[in-house]
Each structure stands twice: as structure tokens, then as C-alpha cells.
PDB file of N, CA and C in Angstrom:
ATOM      1  N   MET A   1      -7.560  -1.721  -0.703  1.00  0.00           N
ATOM      2  CA  MET A   1      -7.566  -1.184  -2.022  1.00  0.00           C
ATOM      3  C   MET A   1      -7.053   0.296  -1.908  1.00  0.00           C
ATOM      4  N   GLY A   2      -6.127   0.671  -2.797  1.00  0.00           N
ATOM      5  CA  GLY A   2      -5.534   1.937  -2.787  1.00  0.00           C
ATOM      6  C   GLY A   2      -6.107   2.861  -3.757  1.00  0.00           C
ATOM      7  N   ALA A   3      -5.728   4.137  -3.709  1.00  0.00           N
ATOM      8  CA  ALA A   3      -6.228   5.146  -4.697  1.00  0.00           C
ATOM      9  C   ALA A   3      -5.165   5.234  -5.803  1.00  0.00           C
ATOM     10  N   LEU A   4      -5.646   5.559  -6.968  1.00  0.00           N
ATOM     11  CA  LEU A   4      -4.814   5.719  -8.130  1.00  0.00           C
ATOM     12  C   LEU A   4      -5.023   7.085  -8.661  1.00  0.00           C
ATOM     13  N   LEU A   5      -3.886   7.867  -8.865  1.00  0.00           N
ATOM     14  CA  LEU A   5      -3.918   9.219  -9.353  1.00  0.00           C
ATOM     15  C   LEU A   5      -3.370   9.095 -10.793  1.00  0.00           C
ATOM     16  N   ILE A   6      -4.272   9.351 -11.803  1.00  0.00           N
ATOM     17  CA  ILE A   6      -3.854   9.328 -13.166  1.00  0.00           C
ATOM     18  C   ILE A   6      -3.883  10.762 -13.805  1.00  0.00           C
ATOM     19  N   VAL A   7      -2.771  11.128 -14.298  1.00  0.00           N
ATOM     20  CA  VAL A   7      -2.759  12.425 -15.030  1.00  0.00           C
ATOM     21  C   VAL A   7      -3.008  11.991 -16.504  1.00  0.00           C
ATOM     22  N   VAL A   8      -4.084  12.475 -17.092  1.00  0.00           N
ATOM     23  CA  VAL A   8      -4.396  11.976 -18.400  1.00  0.00           C
ATOM     24  C   VAL A   8      -3.453  12.492 -19.417  1.00  0.00           C
ATOM     25  N   GLN A   9      -3.205  13.838 -19.444  1.00  0.00           N
ATOM     26  CA  GLN A   9      -2.224  14.453 -20.357  1.00  0.00           C
ATOM     27  C   GLN A   9      -1.065  15.108 -19.598  1.00  0.00           C
ATOM     28  N   GLN A  10       0.086  14.729 -19.929  1.00  0.00           N
ATOM     29  CA  GLN A  10       1.246  15.370 -19.292  1.00  0.00           C
ATOM     30  C   GLN A  10       2.041  16.002 -20.308  1.00  0.00           C
ATOM     31  N   PRO A  11       1.950  17.401 -20.360  1.00  0.00           N
ATOM     32  CA  PRO A  11       2.722  18.127 -21.406  1.00  0.00           C
ATOM     33  C   PRO A  11       4.200  18.256 -21.042  1.00  0.00           C
ATOM     34  N   PHE A  12       5.002  18.316 -21.978  1.00  0.00           N
ATOM     35  CA  PHE A  12       6.441  18.632 -21.823  1.00  0.00           C
ATOM     36  C   PHE A  12       7.039  19.244 -23.101  1.00  0.00           C
ATOM     37  N   ILE A  13       8.150  19.946 -22.991  1.00  0.00           N
ATOM     38  CA  ILE A  13       8.888  20.517 -24.124  1.00  0.00           C
ATOM     39  C   ILE A  13      10.274  19.943 -24.219  1.00  0.00           C
ATOM     40  N   GLN A  14      10.694  19.634 -25.410  1.00  0.00           N
ATOM     41  CA  GLN A  14      11.975  19.014 -25.619  1.00  0.00           C
ATOM     42  C   GLN A  14      12.613  19.471 -26.966  1.00  0.00           C
ATOM     43  N   ILE A  15      13.898  19.269 -27.111  1.00  0.00           N
ATOM     44  CA  ILE A  15      14.582  19.440 -28.365  1.00  0.00           C
ATOM     45  C   ILE A  15      15.664  18.380 -28.529  1.00  0.00           C
ATOM     46  N   SER A  16      15.749  17.785 -29.746  1.00  0.00           N
ATOM     47  CA  SER A  16      16.746  16.874 -30.086  1.00  0.00           C
ATOM     48  C   SER A  16      16.654  15.541 -29.322  1.00  0.00           C
ATOM     49  N   LEU A  17      15.479  15.073 -28.959  1.00  0.00           N
ATOM     50  CA  LEU A  17      15.286  13.736 -28.425  1.00  0.00           C
ATOM     51  C   LEU A  17      14.394  12.926 -29.378  1.00  0.00           C
ATOM     52  N   GLN A  18      14.672  11.627 -29.379  1.00  0.00           N
ATOM     53  CA  GLN A  18      13.880  10.748 -30.222  1.00  0.00           C
ATOM     54  C   GLN A  18      12.841   9.978 -29.457  1.00  0.00           C
ATOM     55  N   ALA A  19      13.079   9.863 -28.130  1.00  0.00           N
ATOM     56  CA  ALA A  19      12.083   9.121 -27.293  1.00  0.00           C
ATOM     57  C   ALA A  19      12.248   9.571 -25.840  1.00  0.00           C
ATOM     58  N   VAL A  20      11.218   9.253 -25.058  1.00  0.00           N
ATOM     59  CA  VAL A  20      11.323   9.561 -23.552  1.00  0.00           C
ATOM     60  C   VAL A  20      10.997   8.188 -22.878  1.00  0.00           C
ATOM     61  N   GLU A  21      11.632   8.068 -21.761  1.00  0.00           N
ATOM     62  CA  GLU A  21      11.317   6.788 -20.926  1.00  0.00           C
ATOM     63  C   GLU A  21      10.375   7.191 -19.838  1.00  0.00           C
ATOM     64  N   VAL A  22       9.251   6.467 -19.805  1.00  0.00           N
ATOM     65  CA  VAL A  22       8.209   6.733 -18.809  1.00  0.00           C
ATOM     66  C   VAL A  22       8.249   5.540 -17.751  1.00  0.00           C
ATOM     67  N   GLU A  23       8.278   5.964 -16.439  1.00  0.00           N
ATOM     68  CA  GLU A  23       8.121   4.952 -15.430  1.00  0.00           C
ATOM     69  C   GLU A  23       6.873   5.202 -14.563  1.00  0.00           C
ATOM     70  N   ILE A  24       6.139   4.150 -14.410  1.00  0.00           N
ATOM     71  CA  ILE A  24       4.972   4.226 -13.490  1.00  0.00           C
ATOM     72  C   ILE A  24       5.331   3.564 -12.188  1.00  0.00           C
ATOM     73  N   PHE A  25       5.156   4.249 -11.167  1.00  0.00           N
ATOM     74  CA  PHE A  25       5.626   3.798  -9.877  1.00  0.00           C
ATOM     75  C   PHE A  25       4.429   3.642  -8.945  1.00  0.00           C
ATOM     76  N   LYS A  26       4.394   2.494  -8.248  1.00  0.00           N
ATOM     77  CA  LYS A  26       3.339   2.253  -7.318  1.00  0.00           C
ATOM     78  C   LYS A  26       3.836   2.360  -5.921  1.00  0.00           C
ATOM     79  N   ILE A  27       3.138   3.117  -5.079  1.00  0.00           N
ATOM     80  CA  ILE A  27       3.482   3.283  -3.618  1.00  0.00           C
ATOM     81  C   ILE A  27       2.522   2.287  -3.013  1.00  0.00           C
ATOM     82  N   PHE A  28       3.072   1.400  -2.259  1.00  0.00           N
ATOM     83  CA  PHE A  28       2.205   0.382  -1.504  1.00  0.00           C
ATOM     84  C   PHE A  28       1.363   1.038  -0.543  1.00  0.00           C
ATOM     85  N   ASP A  29       0.133   0.479  -0.354  1.00  0.00           N
ATOM     86  CA  ASP A  29      -0.918   1.025   0.474  1.00  0.00           C
ATOM     87  C   ASP A  29      -0.439   1.278   1.926  1.00  0.00           C
ATOM     88  N   ASN A  30       0.299   0.309   2.426  1.00  0.00           N
ATOM     89  CA  ASN A  30       0.772   0.402   3.808  1.00  0.00           C
ATOM     90  C   ASN A  30       1.928   1.360   3.989  1.00  0.00           C
ATOM     91  N   ASN A  31       2.450   1.970   2.916  1.00  0.00           N
ATOM     92  CA  ASN A  31       3.565   2.904   2.929  1.00  0.00           C
ATOM     93  C   ASN A  31       3.203   4.375   2.632  1.00  0.00           C
ATOM     94  N   ILE A  32       1.955   4.569   2.356  1.00  0.00           N
ATOM     95  CA  ILE A  32       1.563   5.957   1.897  1.00  0.00           C
ATOM     96  C   ILE A  32       1.861   6.970   2.972  1.00  0.00           C
ATOM     97  N   LEU A  33       1.552   6.728   4.257  1.00  0.00           N
ATOM     98  CA  LEU A  33       1.773   7.643   5.273  1.00  0.00           C
ATOM     99  C   LEU A  33       3.294   7.903   5.427  1.00  0.00           C
ATOM    100  N   GLN A  34       4.119   6.821   5.376  1.00  0.00           N
ATOM    101  CA  GLN A  34       5.544   6.998   5.467  1.00  0.00           C
ATOM    102  C   GLN A  34       6.114   7.845   4.325  1.00  0.00           C
ATOM    103  N   PHE A  35       5.625   7.701   3.131  1.00  0.00           N
ATOM    104  CA  PHE A  35       6.033   8.503   2.011  1.00  0.00           C
ATOM    105  C   PHE A  35       5.664  10.040   2.201  1.00  0.00           C
ATOM    106  N   LEU A  36       4.402  10.295   2.692  1.00  0.00           N
ATOM    107  CA  LEU A  36       3.911  11.660   2.857  1.00  0.00           C
ATOM    108  C   LEU A  36       4.627  12.373   4.057  1.00  0.00           C
ATOM    109  N   GLN A  37       5.239  11.580   4.927  1.00  0.00           N
ATOM    110  CA  GLN A  37       5.986  12.304   6.068  1.00  0.00           C
ATOM    111  C   GLN A  37       7.224  12.948   5.555  1.00  0.00           C
ATOM    112  N   THR A  38       7.840  12.458   4.533  1.00  0.00           N
ATOM    113  CA  THR A  38       9.129  13.035   4.060  1.00  0.00           C
ATOM    114  C   THR A  38       9.112  13.490   2.630  1.00  0.00           C
ATOM    115  N   SER A  39       7.964  13.395   1.905  1.00  0.00           N
ATOM    116  CA  SER A  39       7.920  13.759   0.515  1.00  0.00           C
ATOM    117  C   SER A  39       6.707  14.520   0.212  1.00  0.00           C
ATOM    118  N   GLU A  40       6.618  15.136  -0.877  1.00  0.00           N
ATOM    119  CA  GLU A  40       5.454  15.831  -1.406  1.00  0.00           C
ATOM    120  C   GLU A  40       4.835  15.021  -2.488  1.00  0.00           C
ATOM    121  N   LEU A  41       3.605  15.322  -2.929  1.00  0.00           N
ATOM    122  CA  LEU A  41       2.882  14.457  -3.891  1.00  0.00           C
ATOM    123  C   LEU A  41       3.474  14.519  -5.273  1.00  0.00           C
ATOM    124  N   ASN A  42       4.366  15.465  -5.557  1.00  0.00           N
ATOM    125  CA  ASN A  42       4.893  15.451  -6.855  1.00  0.00           C
ATOM    126  C   ASN A  42       5.984  14.293  -7.064  1.00  0.00           C
ATOM    127  N   GLY A  43       6.352  13.654  -5.930  1.00  0.00           N
ATOM    128  CA  GLY A  43       7.188  12.381  -6.048  1.00  0.00           C
ATOM    129  C   GLY A  43       8.586  12.645  -6.583  1.00  0.00           C
ATOM    130  N   MET A  44       9.111  13.739  -6.403  1.00  0.00           N
ATOM    131  CA  MET A  44      10.460  14.020  -6.922  1.00  0.00           C
ATOM    132  C   MET A  44      11.614  13.489  -6.123  1.00  0.00           C
ATOM    133  N   ASN A  45      11.370  12.918  -5.055  1.00  0.00           N
ATOM    134  CA  ASN A  45      12.411  12.311  -4.181  1.00  0.00           C
ATOM    135  C   ASN A  45      12.516  10.842  -4.479  1.00  0.00           C
ATOM    136  N   ASP A  46      13.464  10.539  -5.482  1.00  0.00           N
ATOM    137  CA  ASP A  46      13.593   9.170  -5.859  1.00  0.00           C
ATOM    138  C   ASP A  46      14.024   8.207  -4.784  1.00  0.00           C
ATOM    139  N   TYR A  47      14.792   8.726  -3.867  1.00  0.00           N
ATOM    140  CA  TYR A  47      15.349   7.816  -2.773  1.00  0.00           C
ATOM    141  C   TYR A  47      14.149   7.329  -1.947  1.00  0.00           C
ATOM    142  N   GLU A  48      13.213   8.291  -1.626  1.00  0.00           N
ATOM    143  CA  GLU A  48      12.061   7.933  -0.794  1.00  0.00           C
ATOM    144  C   GLU A  48      11.067   6.985  -1.585  1.00  0.00           C
ATOM    145  N   LEU A  49      10.907   7.235  -2.852  1.00  0.00           N
ATOM    146  CA  LEU A  49      10.129   6.359  -3.729  1.00  0.00           C
ATOM    147  C   LEU A  49      10.609   4.941  -3.560  1.00  0.00           C
ATOM    148  N   ALA A  50      11.891   4.660  -3.704  1.00  0.00           N
ATOM    149  CA  ALA A  50      12.526   3.362  -3.677  1.00  0.00           C
ATOM    150  C   ALA A  50      12.145   2.764  -2.320  1.00  0.00           C
ATOM    151  N   ARG A  51      12.051   3.491  -1.243  1.00  0.00           N
ATOM    152  CA  ARG A  51      11.772   2.847   0.029  1.00  0.00           C
ATOM    153  C   ARG A  51      10.318   2.423   0.268  1.00  0.00           C
ATOM    154  N   VAL A  52       9.389   3.068  -0.479  1.00  0.00           N
ATOM    155  CA  VAL A  52       7.926   2.797  -0.166  1.00  0.00           C
ATOM    156  C   VAL A  52       7.229   2.185  -1.362  1.00  0.00           C
ATOM    157  N   GLY A  53       7.876   1.896  -2.441  1.00  0.00           N
ATOM    158  CA  GLY A  53       7.152   1.240  -3.540  1.00  0.00           C
ATOM    159  C   GLY A  53       8.115   0.748  -4.569  1.00  0.00           C
ATOM    160  N   ARG A  54       7.599   0.449  -5.720  1.00  0.00           N
ATOM    161  CA  ARG A  54       8.422  -0.004  -6.821  1.00  0.00           C
ATOM    162  C   ARG A  54       7.860   0.372  -8.242  1.00  0.00           C
ATOM    163  N   VAL A  55       8.738   0.323  -9.235  1.00  0.00           N
ATOM    164  CA  VAL A  55       8.370   0.557 -10.584  1.00  0.00           C
ATOM    165  C   VAL A  55       7.495  -0.555 -11.054  1.00  0.00           C
ATOM    166  N   ILE A  56       6.305  -0.278 -11.596  1.00  0.00           N
ATOM    167  CA  ILE A  56       5.432  -1.378 -12.080  1.00  0.00           C
ATOM    168  C   ILE A  56       5.408  -1.396 -13.602  1.00  0.00           C
ATOM    169  N   ARG A  57       5.902  -0.320 -14.203  1.00  0.00           N
ATOM    170  CA  ARG A  57       6.014  -0.316 -15.709  1.00  0.00           C
ATOM    171  C   ARG A  57       7.007   0.670 -16.150  1.00  0.00           C
ATOM    172  N   ARG A  58       7.802   0.240 -17.078  1.00  0.00           N
ATOM    173  CA  ARG A  58       8.841   1.167 -17.695  1.00  0.00           C
ATOM    174  C   ARG A  58       8.671   1.017 -19.246  1.00  0.00           C
ATOM    175  N   GLN A  59       8.582   2.083 -19.920  1.00  0.00           N
ATOM    176  CA  GLN A  59       8.388   2.082 -21.318  1.00  0.00           C
ATOM    177  C   GLN A  59       8.981   3.213 -22.072  1.00  0.00           C
ATOM    178  N   MET A  60       9.699   2.937 -23.162  1.00  0.00           N
ATOM    179  CA  MET A  60      10.188   4.027 -24.097  1.00  0.00           C
ATOM    180  C   MET A  60       9.070   4.378 -25.021  1.00  0.00           C
ATOM    181  N   VAL A  61       8.794   5.710 -25.077  1.00  0.00           N
ATOM    182  CA  VAL A  61       7.744   6.236 -25.961  1.00  0.00           C
ATOM    183  C   VAL A  61       8.454   7.068 -27.072  1.00  0.00           C
ATOM    184  N   PRO A  62       8.393   6.633 -28.318  1.00  0.00           N
ATOM    185  CA  PRO A  62       8.941   7.404 -29.390  1.00  0.00           C
ATOM    186  C   PRO A  62       8.182   8.710 -29.684  1.00  0.00           C
ATOM    187  N   LEU A  63       8.954   9.866 -29.809  1.00  0.00           N
ATOM    188  CA  LEU A  63       8.254  11.087 -29.899  1.00  0.00           C
ATOM    189  C   LEU A  63       7.674  11.316 -31.288  1.00  0.00           C
ATOM    190  N   LYS A  64       8.120  10.558 -32.290  1.00  0.00           N
ATOM    191  CA  LYS A  64       7.587  10.605 -33.642  1.00  0.00           C
ATOM    192  C   LYS A  64       6.144  10.200 -33.622  1.00  0.00           C
ATOM    193  N   GLY A  65       5.724   9.312 -32.728  1.00  0.00           N
ATOM    194  CA  GLY A  65       4.366   8.927 -32.680  1.00  0.00           C
ATOM    195  C   GLY A  65       3.460   9.951 -32.031  1.00  0.00           C
ATOM    196  N   LEU A  66       4.028  10.814 -31.203  1.00  0.00           N
ATOM    197  CA  LEU A  66       3.298  11.859 -30.532  1.00  0.00           C
ATOM    198  C   LEU A  66       3.061  13.117 -31.441  1.00  0.00           C
ATOM    199  N   ASN A  67       4.022  13.370 -32.300  1.00  0.00           N
ATOM    200  CA  ASN A  67       3.981  14.561 -33.178  1.00  0.00           C
ATOM    201  C   ASN A  67       4.841  14.294 -34.353  1.00  0.00           C
ATOM    202  N   PRO A  68       4.283  13.617 -35.377  1.00  0.00           N
ATOM    203  CA  PRO A  68       5.109  13.311 -36.570  1.00  0.00           C
ATOM    204  C   PRO A  68       5.634  14.420 -37.392  1.00  0.00           C
ATOM    205  N   ASN A  69       5.021  15.592 -37.196  1.00  0.00           N
ATOM    206  CA  ASN A  69       5.536  16.792 -38.081  1.00  0.00           C
ATOM    207  C   ASN A  69       6.435  17.700 -37.204  1.00  0.00           C
ATOM    208  N   ALA A  70       6.936  17.210 -36.109  1.00  0.00           N
ATOM    209  CA  ALA A  70       7.795  18.054 -35.280  1.00  0.00           C
ATOM    210  C   ALA A  70       9.231  18.214 -35.891  1.00  0.00           C
ATOM    211  N   ASN A  71       9.791  19.390 -35.750  1.00  0.00           N
ATOM    212  CA  ASN A  71      11.133  19.621 -36.204  1.00  0.00           C
ATOM    213  C   ASN A  71      12.127  19.226 -35.009  1.00  0.00           C
ATOM    214  N   PRO A  72      13.036  18.300 -35.289  1.00  0.00           N
ATOM    215  CA  PRO A  72      13.882  17.787 -34.156  1.00  0.00           C
ATOM    216  C   PRO A  72      14.907  18.869 -33.782  1.00  0.00           C
ATOM    217  N   ASN A  73      15.044  19.931 -34.484  1.00  0.00           N
ATOM    218  CA  ASN A  73      16.058  20.982 -34.160  1.00  0.00           C
ATOM    219  C   ASN A  73      15.382  22.179 -33.554  1.00  0.00           C
ATOM    220  N   ALA A  74      14.198  22.128 -33.195  1.00  0.00           N
ATOM    221  CA  ALA A  74      13.461  23.244 -32.568  1.00  0.00           C
ATOM    222  C   ALA A  74      12.736  22.719 -31.313  1.00  0.00           C
ATOM    223  N   TRP A  75      12.580  23.606 -30.348  1.00  0.00           N
ATOM    224  CA  TRP A  75      11.778  23.262 -29.180  1.00  0.00           C
ATOM    225  C   TRP A  75      10.394  22.893 -29.604  1.00  0.00           C
ATOM    226  N   THR A  76       9.932  21.763 -29.106  1.00  0.00           N
ATOM    227  CA  THR A  76       8.567  21.237 -29.453  1.00  0.00           C
ATOM    228  C   THR A  76       7.833  20.838 -28.233  1.00  0.00           C
ATOM    229  N   ARG A  77       6.584  21.227 -28.196  1.00  0.00           N
ATOM    230  CA  ARG A  77       5.642  20.779 -27.092  1.00  0.00           C
ATOM    231  C   ARG A  77       4.967  19.453 -27.415  1.00  0.00           C
ATOM    232  N   TYR A  78       4.999  18.576 -26.558  1.00  0.00           N
ATOM    233  CA  TYR A  78       4.339  17.239 -26.681  1.00  0.00           C
ATOM    234  C   TYR A  78       3.387  17.106 -25.525  1.00  0.00           C
ATOM    235  N   ALA A  79       2.347  16.283 -25.768  1.00  0.00           N
ATOM    236  CA  ALA A  79       1.419  15.866 -24.655  1.00  0.00           C
ATOM    237  C   ALA A  79       1.346  14.419 -24.638  1.00  0.00           C
ATOM    238  N   LEU A  80       1.798  13.810 -23.643  1.00  0.00           N
ATOM    239  CA  LEU A  80       1.827  12.313 -23.498  1.00  0.00           C
ATOM    240  C   LEU A  80       0.580  11.839 -22.795  1.00  0.00           C
ATOM    241  N   ASP A  81      -0.194  11.020 -23.397  1.00  0.00           N
ATOM    242  CA  ASP A  81      -1.432  10.481 -22.759  1.00  0.00           C
ATOM    243  C   ASP A  81      -1.086   9.309 -21.897  1.00  0.00           C
ATOM    244  N   LEU A  82      -0.912   9.516 -20.595  1.00  0.00           N
ATOM    245  CA  LEU A  82      -0.487   8.544 -19.653  1.00  0.00           C
ATOM    246  C   LEU A  82      -1.585   7.473 -19.338  1.00  0.00           C
ATOM    247  N   GLY A  83      -2.772   7.767 -19.640  1.00  0.00           N
ATOM    248  CA  GLY A  83      -3.889   6.824 -19.485  1.00  0.00           C
ATOM    249  C   GLY A  83      -3.720   5.670 -20.321  1.00  0.00           C
ATOM    250  N   LYS A  84      -3.046   5.714 -21.441  1.00  0.00           N
ATOM    251  CA  LYS A  84      -2.872   4.550 -22.322  1.00  0.00           C
ATOM    252  C   LYS A  84      -1.777   3.619 -21.695  1.00  0.00           C
ATOM    253  N   LEU A  85      -1.062   4.035 -20.775  1.00  0.00           N
ATOM    254  CA  LEU A  85      -0.075   3.178 -20.161  1.00  0.00           C
ATOM    255  C   LEU A  85      -0.564   2.366 -18.959  1.00  0.00           C
ATOM    256  N   PHE A  86      -1.760   2.644 -18.518  1.00  0.00           N
ATOM    257  CA  PHE A  86      -2.318   1.993 -17.377  1.00  0.00           C
ATOM    258  C   PHE A  86      -3.268   0.857 -17.845  1.00  0.00           C
ATOM    259  N   LYS A  87      -3.260  -0.230 -17.182  1.00  0.00           N
ATOM    260  CA  LYS A  87      -4.306  -1.194 -17.326  1.00  0.00           C
ATOM    261  C   LYS A  87      -5.522  -0.919 -16.631  1.00  0.00           C
ATOM    262  N   ALA A  88      -6.639  -1.259 -17.218  1.00  0.00           N
ATOM    263  CA  ALA A  88      -7.956  -0.938 -16.451  1.00  0.00           C
ATOM    264  C   ALA A  88      -8.225  -2.030 -15.413  1.00  0.00           C
TER     265      ALA A  88
END
């Protein structure tokens, strides 16, 4: 059994976008040490991620649902609840 790190709220700022694509990536238990040898926990090395795991969920999230009163022509802060994208 592996460990699961869930960031409940992930804030971001954007302008002129209608949606964001969210990918949930699983690193296989037997590959965690290999991943940590060449990467940091922020997971910004896409090449290394592809070697040690796979995308388990990909979803487009419309920004209107996160902040219906946002002005599309101004920088707007959003907070995406990632916990809703995981199955219990």
C-alpha cells in the first residue's frame, strides 16, 4: 500500500482562460525511490514522471464554476479543491 499526498486547496492566478486541465499522476510503489533519486517532490520533471508512473485521471475544470463573478479580462485568483477529484 502506498502513501497518498492530497493538496486540498491549490490556489492559482489566471487571466483570459475558460478552463484548466488537471492531471492526477500516480507514482507506482516500487518506483518511488527511483523517482526521488532524480526528482524533487514538486514533480515538475515530466520525463521522470512518465518513467515511474502514469496519469490516472485527466479532467477539464471550467473556471466559471470556481468563481462565477470573475472578470475574464482581469487577473483572478482561484482555489481548486483537488480533494473532489479523488475517489475515497
